[in-house]
């Protein structure tokens, strides 16, 4: 006879009863975890201000900081208090003076850099003037400090170049040879810029472009081949009659515009070189330098900002 507690197989073993409610155990575990998660989230979202201030007080006393400072207008505590720094009222001693920063240790501002660069260029100018004075050519050269750097003008007036000619006169060679030692001693790049007046050329040169370029080239060759200036530091450019110093066709304008400029190019960043003219004419102030610094900061931030074009393409 069979008992009713279960079937027996042919081998005489009773089959185990299958449990169809095992999922309830996993479900209960999951609900327990979720309940704990929501309890933690709720606890994090509500802060007891009294208990929080008590905790801050305890931490402050633990660090020997005395009573925590609460600044008006804010909800935070311990603002303005440095952990681990004894308060004079807590230890009963005199208050120590706040540490000061040496201004000399701070990085220079753009305006200060521009002022330093102008001072350096003026020193270079003074050295060239001294050499030219010793050579008897002290009044044959004009000087200008602008955003490019120091401009040394060899205004022709038949002293450096004949009309319609690029051949260097003896006076031009004397000036270049006197200035060369100073140019060799500085690391700046040198630009030689040739110019011509508005009188059309004839003969050897088809236009004033060729004439001005040849004048600049002759000056470059003198400095490199005779005076030893490294060729990698110097370049020559011809501007024709497009950049006159004096407009018009008067004899003075024609003589002044027939010239070659030696430009000692400043190595300062663009936003610093832009302040040089205002430093030279004495109108530079910290407020005037602020827009240039802000523009430089904006450009730097824009260059450093990552682009999202690739991500946008992927999103589409």
Protein backbone atom coordinates (compact mmCIF):
# COMPACT_ATOMS: atom_id res chain seq x y z
CA UNK A 1 0.00 0.00 0.00
CA UNK A 2 1.09 3.47 -0.70
CA UNK A 3 0.97 6.10 2.00
CA UNK A 4 -0.30 9.51 0.66
CA UNK A 5 2.84 11.41 1.56
CA UNK A 6 4.42 11.06 -1.80
CA UNK A 7 4.90 8.83 -4.74
CA UNK A 8 7.51 6.24 -4.86
CA UNK A 9 9.48 5.50 -7.94
CA UNK A 10 10.18 2.11 -9.15
CA UNK A 11 13.41 2.14 -7.18
CA UNK A 12 11.50 2.84 -4.01
CA UNK A 13 12.62 6.47 -3.51
CA UNK A 14 10.13 9.25 -2.77
CA UNK A 15 10.23 12.36 -5.07
CA UNK A 16 11.08 15.72 -3.42
CA UNK A 17 8.35 18.36 -3.37
CA UNK A 18 9.22 21.34 -5.74
CA UNK A 19 9.11 24.82 -4.05
CA UNK A 20 7.40 27.33 -6.35
CA UNK A 21 7.84 30.30 -3.96
CA UNK A 22 11.65 30.67 -4.00
CA UNK A 23 11.35 33.97 -5.90
CA UNK A 24 9.84 35.55 -2.81
CA UNK A 25 13.16 35.27 -0.98
CA UNK A 26 15.05 37.20 -3.70
CA UNK A 27 12.24 39.74 -3.93
CA UNK A 28 12.32 40.33 -0.19
CA UNK A 29 16.10 40.85 -0.30
CA UNK A 30 15.77 43.39 -3.09
CA UNK A 31 13.03 45.31 -1.27
CA UNK A 32 15.16 45.39 1.87
CA UNK A 33 18.08 46.90 -0.03
CA UNK A 34 15.85 49.49 -1.70
CA UNK A 35 14.31 50.43 1.63
CA UNK A 36 17.76 50.94 3.13
CA UNK A 37 18.81 53.04 0.12
CA UNK A 38 15.82 55.39 0.43
CA UNK A 39 16.37 55.74 4.16
CA UNK A 40 19.99 56.79 3.54
CA UNK A 41 18.94 59.24 0.83
CA UNK A 42 16.33 60.76 3.11
CA UNK A 43 18.82 61.08 5.94
CA UNK A 44 21.28 62.84 3.63
CA UNK A 45 18.66 65.29 2.39
CA UNK A 46 17.73 66.62 5.82
CA UNK A 47 20.40 68.26 7.97
CA UNK A 48 19.73 69.15 11.56
CA UNK A 49 21.30 72.61 11.86
CA UNK A 50 21.59 72.30 15.64
CA UNK A 51 23.37 68.99 15.46
CA UNK A 52 25.54 70.28 12.59
CA UNK A 53 26.64 73.31 14.62
CA UNK A 54 27.31 71.05 17.59
CA UNK A 55 29.52 68.91 15.39
CA UNK A 56 31.31 72.00 14.11
CA UNK A 57 31.82 73.20 17.68
CA UNK A 58 33.26 69.86 18.65
CA UNK A 59 35.62 69.80 15.71
CA UNK A 60 36.68 73.38 16.33
CA UNK A 61 37.49 72.67 19.98
CA UNK A 62 39.29 69.52 18.97
CA UNK A 63 41.56 71.58 16.72
CA UNK A 64 42.05 74.23 19.45
CA UNK A 65 40.42 76.85 17.27
CA UNK A 66 38.04 78.21 19.87
CA UNK A 67 34.52 79.12 18.84
CA UNK A 68 33.85 78.61 15.15
CA UNK A 69 33.40 81.72 13.08
CA UNK A 70 30.16 82.10 11.20
CA UNK A 71 30.29 84.88 8.60
CA UNK A 72 27.15 86.94 8.13
CA UNK A 73 25.41 86.38 4.87
CA UNK A 74 26.43 82.73 4.62
CA UNK A 75 25.11 79.46 6.00
CA UNK A 76 28.48 77.84 6.46
CA UNK A 77 30.46 77.40 9.64
CA UNK A 78 34.17 77.43 10.24
CA UNK A 79 34.57 79.87 7.35
CA UNK A 80 37.66 81.97 7.86
CA UNK A 81 39.11 79.53 10.44
CA UNK A 82 42.07 77.42 9.48
CA UNK A 83 42.11 73.99 11.06
CA UNK A 84 45.03 73.40 13.33
CA UNK A 85 45.81 77.14 13.72
CA UNK A 86 45.58 78.21 17.39
CA UNK A 87 43.38 81.22 18.11
CA UNK A 88 44.96 83.91 20.25
CA UNK A 89 41.89 84.09 22.55
CA UNK A 90 41.94 80.31 23.04
CA UNK A 91 45.57 80.01 24.05
CA UNK A 92 45.70 83.30 25.94
CA UNK A 93 48.60 84.71 23.97
CA UNK A 94 48.94 87.82 21.82
CA UNK A 95 47.64 87.63 18.28
CA UNK A 96 50.35 86.93 15.76
CA UNK A 97 50.51 89.22 12.71
CA UNK A 98 49.11 87.75 9.51
CA UNK A 99 51.69 86.42 7.13
CA UNK A 100 52.43 88.81 4.27
CA UNK A 101 53.43 87.97 0.70
CA UNK A 102 56.51 89.63 -0.70
CA UNK A 103 55.37 91.62 -3.78
CA UNK A 104 58.70 90.87 -5.42
CA UNK A 105 57.83 87.16 -5.33
CA UNK A 106 54.60 87.66 -7.28
CA UNK A 107 54.63 87.14 -11.07
CA UNK A 108 54.78 90.44 -12.99
CA UNK A 109 51.65 91.79 -14.59
CA UNK A 110 51.34 92.54 -18.30
CA UNK A 111 51.86 96.23 -17.63
CA UNK A 112 55.00 95.53 -15.65
CA UNK A 113 56.31 93.31 -18.43
CA UNK A 114 55.64 96.07 -20.96
CA UNK A 115 57.45 98.59 -18.76
CA UNK A 116 60.43 96.26 -18.42
CA UNK A 117 60.53 95.72 -22.18
CA UNK A 118 60.45 99.46 -22.90
CA UNK A 119 63.31 99.97 -20.44
CA UNK A 120 65.31 97.23 -22.18
CA UNK A 121 64.68 98.68 -25.65
CA UNK A 122 65.68 102.14 -24.44
CA UNK A 123 68.92 100.68 -23.13
CA UNK A 124 69.58 99.11 -26.55
CA UNK A 125 68.83 102.47 -28.18
CA UNK A 126 71.25 104.23 -25.82
CA UNK A 127 74.03 101.78 -26.69
CA UNK A 128 73.49 102.30 -30.43
CA UNK A 129 73.40 106.08 -29.99
CA UNK A 130 76.70 105.94 -28.10
CA UNK A 131 78.33 103.90 -30.87
CA UNK A 132 77.01 106.23 -33.56
CA UNK A 133 78.16 109.30 -31.64
CA UNK A 134 81.64 107.81 -31.40
CA UNK A 135 81.56 107.28 -35.19
CA UNK A 136 80.41 110.85 -35.83
CA UNK A 137 76.94 109.75 -37.05
CA UNK A 138 74.91 110.54 -33.96
CA UNK A 139 72.26 112.66 -35.74
CA UNK A 140 71.79 110.58 -38.87
CA UNK A 141 69.35 108.02 -37.42
CA UNK A 142 65.85 108.35 -35.98
CA UNK A 143 64.40 106.02 -33.32
CA UNK A 144 60.89 104.83 -32.50
CA UNK A 145 59.62 102.34 -29.92
CA UNK A 146 56.24 100.87 -30.83
CA UNK A 147 54.35 97.59 -30.47
CA UNK A 148 56.86 95.87 -32.77
CA UNK A 149 59.92 96.83 -30.75
CA UNK A 150 62.70 99.34 -31.47
CA UNK A 151 62.71 100.88 -34.97
CA UNK A 152 66.01 102.34 -36.20
CA UNK A 153 65.33 104.50 -39.24
CA UNK A 154 67.98 105.14 -41.87
CA UNK A 155 66.28 108.07 -43.55
CA UNK A 156 67.98 108.51 -46.87
CA UNK A 157 68.02 112.22 -47.67
CA UNK A 158 70.87 111.37 -50.01
CA UNK A 159 73.03 110.28 -47.04
CA UNK A 160 72.32 106.54 -47.21
CA UNK A 161 70.87 106.07 -50.74
CA UNK A 162 70.81 108.08 -53.92
CA UNK A 163 67.49 108.68 -55.58
CA UNK A 164 66.41 105.60 -57.52
CA UNK A 165 69.39 103.59 -56.23
CA UNK A 166 69.89 100.78 -53.70
CA UNK A 167 73.65 101.15 -53.40
CA UNK A 168 74.77 101.90 -49.85
CA UNK A 169 76.58 105.20 -49.40
CA UNK A 170 79.66 105.30 -47.13
CA UNK A 171 77.57 106.95 -44.42
CA UNK A 172 75.16 104.00 -44.47
CA UNK A 173 78.03 101.53 -44.06
CA UNK A 174 79.38 103.54 -41.12
CA UNK A 175 76.00 103.53 -39.37
CA UNK A 176 75.45 99.79 -39.91
CA UNK A 177 78.97 98.89 -38.76
CA UNK A 178 78.53 100.98 -35.59
CA UNK A 179 75.16 99.44 -34.72
CA UNK A 180 76.18 95.86 -35.51
CA UNK A 181 77.98 95.09 -32.18
CA UNK A 182 74.83 96.00 -30.26
CA UNK A 183 72.65 93.91 -32.58
CA UNK A 184 74.99 90.96 -32.16
CA UNK A 185 74.77 91.16 -28.36
CA UNK A 186 70.97 90.86 -28.16
CA UNK A 187 68.88 87.75 -28.96
CA UNK A 188 66.05 89.54 -30.80
CA UNK A 189 65.21 88.95 -34.44
CA UNK A 190 65.94 91.82 -36.83
CA UNK A 191 63.66 92.88 -39.68
CA UNK A 192 65.01 95.10 -42.46
CA UNK A 193 62.21 97.04 -44.12
CA UNK A 194 62.90 98.90 -47.36
CA UNK A 195 60.80 101.87 -48.49
CA UNK A 196 60.66 104.21 -51.48
CA UNK A 197 58.98 107.53 -52.25
CA UNK A 198 56.20 108.05 -54.78
CA UNK A 199 58.46 109.00 -57.70
CA UNK A 200 58.28 106.21 -60.30
CA UNK A 201 61.54 104.42 -60.92
CA UNK A 202 63.25 103.99 -64.25
CA UNK A 203 66.11 102.01 -65.58
CA UNK A 204 67.20 99.07 -63.43
CA UNK A 205 64.03 98.75 -61.35
CA UNK A 206 60.62 98.24 -62.92
CA UNK A 207 58.72 99.50 -59.85
CA UNK A 208 59.32 100.88 -56.39
CA UNK A 209 58.69 97.37 -55.03
CA UNK A 210 61.92 96.10 -56.52
CA UNK A 211 63.79 99.24 -55.45
CA UNK A 212 62.65 99.06 -51.82
CA UNK A 213 63.31 95.33 -51.62
CA UNK A 214 66.82 95.77 -53.01
CA UNK A 215 67.58 98.50 -50.47
CA UNK A 216 66.53 96.22 -47.64
CA UNK A 217 68.58 93.37 -49.12
CA UNK A 218 71.72 95.51 -49.37
CA UNK A 219 71.43 96.46 -45.71
CA UNK A 220 70.89 92.80 -44.76
CA UNK A 221 73.95 91.72 -46.74
CA UNK A 222 76.12 94.34 -45.06
CA UNK A 223 75.07 93.20 -41.59
CA UNK A 224 75.47 89.50 -42.39
CA UNK A 225 78.45 89.39 -44.75
CA UNK A 226 80.55 92.18 -43.23
CA UNK A 227 79.42 92.58 -39.63
CA UNK A 228 78.79 88.88 -38.87
CA UNK A 229 75.11 88.96 -37.87
CA UNK A 230 73.67 85.40 -38.09
CA UNK A 231 71.51 85.03 -41.18
CA UNK A 232 68.86 83.11 -39.24
CA UNK A 233 68.09 86.17 -37.11
CA UNK A 234 67.47 88.68 -39.87
CA UNK A 235 65.06 89.08 -42.79
CA UNK A 236 64.45 91.70 -45.51
CA UNK A 237 61.15 93.03 -46.87
CA UNK A 238 60.28 95.67 -49.46
CA UNK A 239 57.19 97.86 -49.01
CA UNK A 240 57.51 100.08 -52.07
CA UNK A 241 55.86 103.48 -51.51
CA UNK A 242 52.92 102.06 -49.48
CA UNK A 243 54.10 103.22 -46.02
CA UNK A 244 55.24 106.84 -46.25
CA UNK A 245 56.32 108.69 -43.14
CA UNK A 246 55.22 112.00 -44.66
CA UNK A 247 52.45 112.22 -47.28
CA UNK A 248 52.79 114.40 -50.32
CA UNK A 249 55.42 115.15 -52.92
CA UNK A 250 57.39 117.91 -51.25
CA UNK A 251 61.19 117.61 -51.31
CA UNK A 252 61.15 116.87 -47.57
CA UNK A 253 58.54 114.11 -47.97
CA UNK A 254 60.38 112.55 -50.90
CA UNK A 255 63.66 112.48 -48.95
CA UNK A 256 62.07 111.17 -45.74
CA UNK A 257 60.17 108.34 -47.39
CA UNK A 258 63.30 107.06 -49.18
CA UNK A 259 64.53 105.00 -46.26
CA UNK A 260 65.31 101.63 -44.65
CA UNK A 261 64.12 100.69 -41.16
CA UNK A 262 65.89 98.23 -38.88
CA UNK A 263 63.30 96.75 -36.54
CA UNK A 264 64.44 94.98 -33.37
CA UNK A 265 61.41 92.75 -32.87
CA UNK A 266 60.29 92.34 -29.27
CA UNK A 267 59.83 88.75 -28.14
CA UNK A 268 57.05 89.65 -25.69
CA UNK A 269 53.54 88.14 -26.24
CA UNK A 270 51.10 90.14 -28.34
CA UNK A 271 48.99 91.28 -25.36
CA UNK A 272 52.13 92.68 -23.69
CA UNK A 273 53.50 94.35 -26.83
CA UNK A 274 50.12 96.02 -27.31
CA UNK A 275 50.79 98.00 -24.11
CA UNK A 276 54.21 99.30 -25.21
CA UNK A 277 52.97 102.46 -27.02
CA UNK A 278 50.99 103.58 -23.95
CA UNK A 279 54.03 102.96 -21.76
CA UNK A 280 56.19 105.05 -24.09
CA UNK A 281 53.81 108.02 -24.14
CA UNK A 282 53.13 107.79 -20.40
CA UNK A 283 49.42 106.99 -20.57
CA UNK A 284 49.69 103.38 -19.39
CA UNK A 285 47.82 102.53 -16.20
CA UNK A 286 46.82 99.32 -14.48
CA UNK A 287 43.22 99.95 -15.58
CA UNK A 288 44.33 100.30 -19.19
CA UNK A 289 46.20 97.02 -18.95
CA UNK A 290 43.18 95.15 -17.58
CA UNK A 291 41.33 94.78 -20.94
CA UNK A 292 44.44 93.34 -22.59
CA UNK A 293 44.91 90.87 -19.74
CA UNK A 294 41.22 89.92 -19.86
CA UNK A 295 41.39 89.37 -23.60
CA UNK A 296 44.48 87.19 -23.18
CA UNK A 297 42.72 85.16 -20.46
CA UNK A 298 39.66 84.70 -22.68
CA UNK A 299 41.78 83.57 -25.61
CA UNK A 300 43.69 81.13 -23.39
CA UNK A 301 40.47 79.70 -21.95
CA UNK A 302 38.94 79.36 -25.42
CA UNK A 303 42.02 77.56 -26.67
CA UNK A 304 42.00 75.19 -23.69
CA UNK A 305 38.25 74.46 -23.79
CA UNK A 306 37.42 71.00 -25.22
CA UNK A 307 35.28 70.85 -28.31
CA UNK A 308 31.99 68.99 -28.31
CA UNK A 309 31.68 68.64 -32.07
CA UNK A 310 32.64 64.99 -31.98
CA UNK A 311 30.15 64.19 -29.25
CA UNK A 312 27.39 66.08 -31.06
CA UNK A 313 28.03 64.10 -34.21
CA UNK A 314 27.78 60.89 -32.29
CA UNK A 315 24.54 62.01 -30.65
CA UNK A 316 22.94 62.55 -34.04
